[in-house]
Amino acid sequence: MFRPKGPVCQSCGMPLSKDPLGGGTNADGSLSSEYCSHCYRKGVFTQPNITAQEMTALVEGKLRSMHFPRFLARRFAKEVPTLRRWRNKGATQDPARPSSGDLQPRA
């Protein structure tokens, strides 16, 4: 019901179509198809130590500053922990590197 059309940043949830720079950049300078320019530049997260809870609060605050009603700001912000960056803790440092949860034990 409240889902934006098109892809969203997998860190903050912003629709990539709203990104003024067209998206974040990978280490090779190409545009990222997963992250916005506010969250991801030159292949690294702009705030590598932020938690999902802190990002949720940041997103809610930003939406409120853009005059979104509180209930909508909360509704959008509560989706943050479900985004790819936050699904497992290892993904907060480098999206190209598998987290320890993604590695298969040797037999």
N, C-alpha and C. Protein backbone atom coordinates (compact mmCIF):
# COMPACT_ATOMS: atom_id res chain seq x y z
N MET A 1 0.81 -1.19 0.00
CA MET A 1 0.00 0.00 0.00
C MET A 1 0.86 1.26 0.00
N PHE A 2 1.90 1.30 0.86
CA PHE A 2 2.75 2.48 0.94
C PHE A 2 4.09 2.27 0.24
N ARG A 3 4.21 1.28 -0.60
CA ARG A 3 5.49 0.98 -1.25
C ARG A 3 5.70 1.92 -2.44
N PRO A 4 6.91 2.50 -2.53
CA PRO A 4 7.20 3.34 -3.70
C PRO A 4 7.39 2.48 -4.94
N LYS A 5 7.18 3.08 -6.09
CA LYS A 5 7.41 2.36 -7.34
C LYS A 5 8.90 2.34 -7.62
N GLY A 6 9.36 1.25 -8.18
CA GLY A 6 10.76 1.14 -8.54
C GLY A 6 11.64 0.72 -7.38
N PRO A 7 12.96 0.59 -7.64
CA PRO A 7 13.89 0.14 -6.60
C PRO A 7 14.11 1.20 -5.53
N VAL A 8 14.42 0.73 -4.32
CA VAL A 8 14.72 1.62 -3.20
C VAL A 8 16.11 1.30 -2.67
N CYS A 9 16.71 2.27 -2.01
CA CYS A 9 18.01 2.06 -1.39
C CYS A 9 17.89 0.94 -0.36
N GLN A 10 18.81 0.00 -0.41
CA GLN A 10 18.76 -1.14 0.49
C GLN A 10 19.43 -0.85 1.83
N SER A 11 19.66 0.43 2.11
CA SER A 11 20.17 0.85 3.41
C SER A 11 19.15 1.74 4.12
N CYS A 12 18.59 2.73 3.39
CA CYS A 12 17.67 3.68 4.03
C CYS A 12 16.23 3.60 3.51
N GLY A 13 16.03 2.99 2.37
CA GLY A 13 14.67 2.85 1.83
C GLY A 13 14.24 3.97 0.90
N MET A 14 15.10 4.93 0.64
CA MET A 14 14.73 6.01 -0.26
C MET A 14 14.57 5.49 -1.68
N PRO A 15 13.51 5.90 -2.39
CA PRO A 15 13.38 5.49 -3.78
C PRO A 15 14.60 5.99 -4.57
N LEU A 16 15.24 5.10 -5.30
CA LEU A 16 16.42 5.51 -6.06
C LEU A 16 16.08 6.53 -7.13
N SER A 17 14.84 6.55 -7.57
CA SER A 17 14.42 7.55 -8.56
C SER A 17 14.45 8.97 -7.98
N LYS A 18 14.45 9.10 -6.66
CA LYS A 18 14.49 10.42 -6.00
C LYS A 18 15.91 10.86 -5.68
N ASP A 19 16.90 10.00 -5.91
CA ASP A 19 18.28 10.34 -5.59
C ASP A 19 18.79 11.40 -6.57
N PRO A 20 19.24 12.56 -6.06
CA PRO A 20 19.69 13.63 -6.96
C PRO A 20 20.91 13.25 -7.80
N LEU A 21 21.70 12.27 -7.34
CA LEU A 21 22.88 11.86 -8.10
C LEU A 21 22.65 10.56 -8.86
N GLY A 22 21.44 10.03 -8.79
CA GLY A 22 21.11 8.83 -9.54
C GLY A 22 21.47 7.53 -8.84
N GLY A 23 22.02 7.62 -7.64
CA GLY A 23 22.40 6.44 -6.86
C GLY A 23 23.80 6.58 -6.31
N GLY A 24 24.14 5.66 -5.43
CA GLY A 24 25.49 5.64 -4.88
C GLY A 24 26.47 5.14 -5.93
N THR A 25 27.75 5.14 -5.58
CA THR A 25 28.76 4.68 -6.53
C THR A 25 29.55 3.51 -5.97
N ASN A 26 29.86 2.58 -6.84
CA ASN A 26 30.69 1.43 -6.49
C ASN A 26 32.15 1.87 -6.50
N ALA A 27 33.03 0.99 -6.04
CA ALA A 27 34.47 1.30 -5.97
C ALA A 27 35.04 1.68 -7.33
N ASP A 28 34.49 1.09 -8.40
CA ASP A 28 34.99 1.38 -9.76
C ASP A 28 34.36 2.64 -10.37
N GLY A 29 33.52 3.33 -9.59
CA GLY A 29 32.90 4.56 -10.07
C GLY A 29 31.54 4.37 -10.73
N SER A 30 31.16 3.13 -10.98
CA SER A 30 29.85 2.87 -11.60
C SER A 30 28.74 3.11 -10.58
N LEU A 31 27.54 3.38 -11.09
CA LEU A 31 26.39 3.60 -10.20
C LEU A 31 25.97 2.30 -9.55
N SER A 32 25.64 2.38 -8.28
CA SER A 32 25.13 1.23 -7.55
C SER A 32 23.65 1.08 -7.86
N SER A 33 23.21 -0.12 -8.08
CA SER A 33 21.79 -0.37 -8.33
C SER A 33 21.06 -0.68 -7.03
N GLU A 34 21.78 -0.69 -5.91
CA GLU A 34 21.17 -1.06 -4.63
C GLU A 34 21.14 0.06 -3.59
N TYR A 35 22.06 1.02 -3.68
CA TYR A 35 22.19 2.00 -2.62
C TYR A 35 22.17 3.43 -3.17
N CYS A 36 21.65 4.36 -2.37
CA CYS A 36 21.59 5.77 -2.77
C CYS A 36 22.91 6.47 -2.48
N SER A 37 23.05 7.67 -3.01
CA SER A 37 24.28 8.44 -2.83
C SER A 37 24.45 8.96 -1.41
N HIS A 38 23.38 8.99 -0.63
CA HIS A 38 23.49 9.42 0.77
C HIS A 38 24.11 8.31 1.62
N CYS A 39 23.91 7.07 1.22
CA CYS A 39 24.35 5.92 2.02
C CYS A 39 25.63 5.27 1.53
N TYR A 40 25.92 5.39 0.24
CA TYR A 40 26.99 4.59 -0.36
C TYR A 40 27.76 5.39 -1.39
N ARG A 41 29.07 5.55 -1.17
CA ARG A 41 29.93 6.29 -2.12
C ARG A 41 31.26 5.58 -2.26
N LYS A 42 31.73 5.49 -3.50
CA LYS A 42 33.03 4.89 -3.80
C LYS A 42 33.20 3.50 -3.21
N GLY A 43 32.10 2.75 -3.18
CA GLY A 43 32.17 1.36 -2.74
C GLY A 43 32.12 1.15 -1.24
N VAL A 44 31.87 2.20 -0.46
CA VAL A 44 31.77 2.04 0.99
C VAL A 44 30.56 2.81 1.51
N PHE A 45 30.04 2.36 2.63
CA PHE A 45 28.92 3.07 3.25
C PHE A 45 29.42 4.37 3.85
N THR A 46 28.63 5.42 3.73
CA THR A 46 29.01 6.72 4.26
C THR A 46 28.98 6.72 5.78
N GLN A 47 28.17 5.87 6.38
CA GLN A 47 28.11 5.71 7.83
C GLN A 47 28.26 4.22 8.15
N PRO A 48 29.48 3.71 8.10
CA PRO A 48 29.66 2.26 8.24
C PRO A 48 29.30 1.70 9.61
N ASN A 49 29.29 2.51 10.64
CA ASN A 49 29.03 2.00 11.99
C ASN A 49 27.61 2.25 12.49
N ILE A 50 26.76 2.81 11.65
CA ILE A 50 25.39 3.06 12.06
C ILE A 50 24.63 1.74 12.18
N THR A 51 23.73 1.66 13.13
CA THR A 51 22.92 0.46 13.32
C THR A 51 21.59 0.62 12.60
N ALA A 52 20.89 -0.48 12.45
CA ALA A 52 19.56 -0.43 11.82
C ALA A 52 18.62 0.46 12.63
N GLN A 53 18.72 0.39 13.95
CA GLN A 53 17.88 1.21 14.82
C GLN A 53 18.19 2.70 14.62
N GLU A 54 19.48 3.03 14.53
CA GLU A 54 19.86 4.42 14.31
C GLU A 54 19.43 4.90 12.93
N MET A 55 19.54 4.04 11.92
CA MET A 55 19.10 4.41 10.57
C MET A 55 17.58 4.63 10.55
N THR A 56 16.86 3.80 11.27
CA THR A 56 15.40 3.96 11.35
C THR A 56 15.05 5.33 11.91
N ALA A 57 15.73 5.73 12.99
CA ALA A 57 15.48 7.04 13.60
C ALA A 57 15.88 8.17 12.65
N LEU A 58 17.00 8.00 11.94
CA LEU A 58 17.46 9.00 10.98
C LEU A 58 16.44 9.18 9.86
N VAL A 59 15.95 8.07 9.32
CA VAL A 59 14.97 8.12 8.23
C VAL A 59 13.68 8.78 8.71
N GLU A 60 13.21 8.40 9.89
CA GLU A 60 11.98 8.99 10.41
C GLU A 60 12.15 10.51 10.59
N GLY A 61 13.30 10.92 11.13
CA GLY A 61 13.57 12.35 11.31
C GLY A 61 13.62 13.10 9.99
N LYS A 62 14.25 12.49 9.00
CA LYS A 62 14.33 13.14 7.68
C LYS A 62 12.94 13.29 7.06
N LEU A 63 12.14 12.26 7.16
CA LEU A 63 10.79 12.34 6.61
C LEU A 63 9.95 13.40 7.33
N ARG A 64 10.12 13.48 8.64
CA ARG A 64 9.39 14.50 9.40
C ARG A 64 9.84 15.90 8.99
N SER A 65 11.15 16.06 8.72
CA SER A 65 11.64 17.38 8.30
C SER A 65 11.12 17.75 6.92
N MET A 66 10.69 16.74 6.16
CA MET A 66 10.11 16.98 4.84
C MET A 66 8.59 17.12 4.94
N HIS A 67 8.09 17.28 6.17
CA HIS A 67 6.68 17.50 6.47
C HIS A 67 5.78 16.29 6.21
N PHE A 68 6.36 15.09 6.29
CA PHE A 68 5.53 13.88 6.25
C PHE A 68 4.79 13.80 7.57
N PRO A 69 3.53 13.40 7.56
CA PRO A 69 2.83 13.19 8.83
C PRO A 69 3.57 12.12 9.65
N ARG A 70 3.53 12.25 10.97
CA ARG A 70 4.27 11.34 11.85
C ARG A 70 3.93 9.87 11.56
N PHE A 71 2.64 9.56 11.35
CA PHE A 71 2.27 8.16 11.14
C PHE A 71 2.89 7.60 9.86
N LEU A 72 3.00 8.43 8.81
CA LEU A 72 3.62 7.96 7.57
C LEU A 72 5.13 7.84 7.73
N ALA A 73 5.75 8.80 8.40
CA ALA A 73 7.19 8.73 8.63
C ALA A 73 7.54 7.46 9.39
N ARG A 74 6.77 7.14 10.41
CA ARG A 74 7.02 5.91 11.18
C ARG A 74 6.79 4.67 10.32
N ARG A 75 5.76 4.71 9.52
CA ARG A 75 5.42 3.56 8.67
C ARG A 75 6.55 3.26 7.69
N PHE A 76 7.07 4.29 7.04
CA PHE A 76 8.17 4.10 6.10
C PHE A 76 9.44 3.69 6.82
N ALA A 77 9.74 4.36 7.93
CA ALA A 77 10.98 4.09 8.67
C ALA A 77 11.02 2.69 9.25
N LYS A 78 9.88 2.13 9.60
CA LYS A 78 9.91 0.80 10.22
C LYS A 78 10.28 -0.30 9.22
N GLU A 79 10.34 0.03 7.93
CA GLU A 79 10.77 -0.93 6.92
C GLU A 79 12.29 -1.07 6.86
N VAL A 80 13.03 -0.13 7.43
CA VAL A 80 14.49 -0.12 7.34
C VAL A 80 15.12 -1.46 7.74
N PRO A 81 14.77 -2.06 8.88
CA PRO A 81 15.43 -3.31 9.26
C PRO A 81 15.21 -4.48 8.29
N THR A 82 14.25 -4.37 7.40
CA THR A 82 14.00 -5.45 6.43
C THR A 82 14.83 -5.30 5.16
N LEU A 83 15.53 -4.17 5.02
CA LEU A 83 16.32 -3.93 3.82
C LEU A 83 17.59 -4.77 3.82
N ARG A 84 18.12 -5.01 2.64
CA ARG A 84 19.25 -5.94 2.45
C ARG A 84 20.44 -5.64 3.36
N ARG A 85 20.79 -4.38 3.54
CA ARG A 85 21.95 -4.05 4.38
C ARG A 85 21.80 -4.56 5.81
N TRP A 86 20.58 -4.59 6.30
CA TRP A 86 20.34 -4.89 7.71
C TRP A 86 19.92 -6.33 7.97
N ARG A 87 19.76 -7.12 6.94
CA ARG A 87 19.28 -8.49 7.14
C ARG A 87 20.23 -9.34 7.95
N ASN A 88 21.52 -9.10 7.81
CA ASN A 88 22.48 -9.79 8.67
C ASN A 88 23.59 -8.81 9.01
N LYS A 89 24.12 -8.91 10.18
CA LYS A 89 25.05 -7.91 10.70
C LYS A 89 26.31 -7.74 9.86
N GLY A 90 26.81 -8.79 9.22
CA GLY A 90 28.02 -8.70 8.42
C GLY A 90 27.88 -7.80 7.21
N ALA A 91 26.66 -7.56 6.75
CA ALA A 91 26.44 -6.76 5.54
C ALA A 91 26.64 -5.27 5.78
N THR A 92 26.84 -4.84 7.04
CA THR A 92 26.97 -3.41 7.29
C THR A 92 28.30 -2.86 6.83
N GLN A 93 29.32 -3.68 6.63
CA GLN A 93 30.63 -3.17 6.24
C GLN A 93 30.84 -3.13 4.74
N ASP A 94 30.58 -4.22 4.03
CA ASP A 94 30.88 -4.29 2.60
C ASP A 94 29.84 -5.15 1.91
N PRO A 95 28.97 -4.57 1.08
CA PRO A 95 27.90 -5.34 0.47
C PRO A 95 28.39 -6.40 -0.50
N ALA A 96 29.62 -6.28 -0.99
CA ALA A 96 30.14 -7.26 -1.95
C ALA A 96 30.77 -8.46 -1.24
N ARG A 97 31.03 -8.31 0.05
CA ARG A 97 31.68 -9.36 0.82
C ARG A 97 30.66 -10.17 1.58
N PRO A 98 30.68 -11.50 1.49
CA PRO A 98 29.70 -12.29 2.21
C PRO A 98 29.92 -12.19 3.72
N SER A 99 28.82 -12.19 4.46
CA SER A 99 28.96 -12.20 5.91
C SER A 99 29.25 -13.61 6.37
N SER A 100 29.63 -13.75 7.62
CA SER A 100 29.93 -15.08 8.15
C SER A 100 28.71 -15.99 8.08
N GLY A 101 27.51 -15.40 8.12
CA GLY A 101 26.28 -16.18 8.02
C GLY A 101 26.06 -16.74 6.63
N ASP A 102 26.72 -16.13 5.62
CA ASP A 102 26.56 -16.57 4.24
C ASP A 102 27.55 -17.67 3.86
N LEU A 103 28.60 -17.84 4.67
CA LEU A 103 29.62 -18.84 4.35
C LEU A 103 29.15 -20.22 4.75
N GLN A 104 29.42 -21.16 3.91
CA GLN A 104 29.04 -22.55 4.17
C GLN A 104 30.20 -23.26 4.85
N PRO A 105 29.93 -24.03 5.90
CA PRO A 105 31.00 -24.78 6.55
C PRO A 105 31.55 -25.85 5.62
N ARG A 106 32.84 -26.10 5.76
CA ARG A 106 33.45 -27.16 4.95
C ARG A 106 33.07 -28.52 5.49
N ALA A 107 32.88 -29.45 4.58
CA ALA A 107 32.50 -30.81 5.00
C ALA A 107 33.72 -31.67 5.15
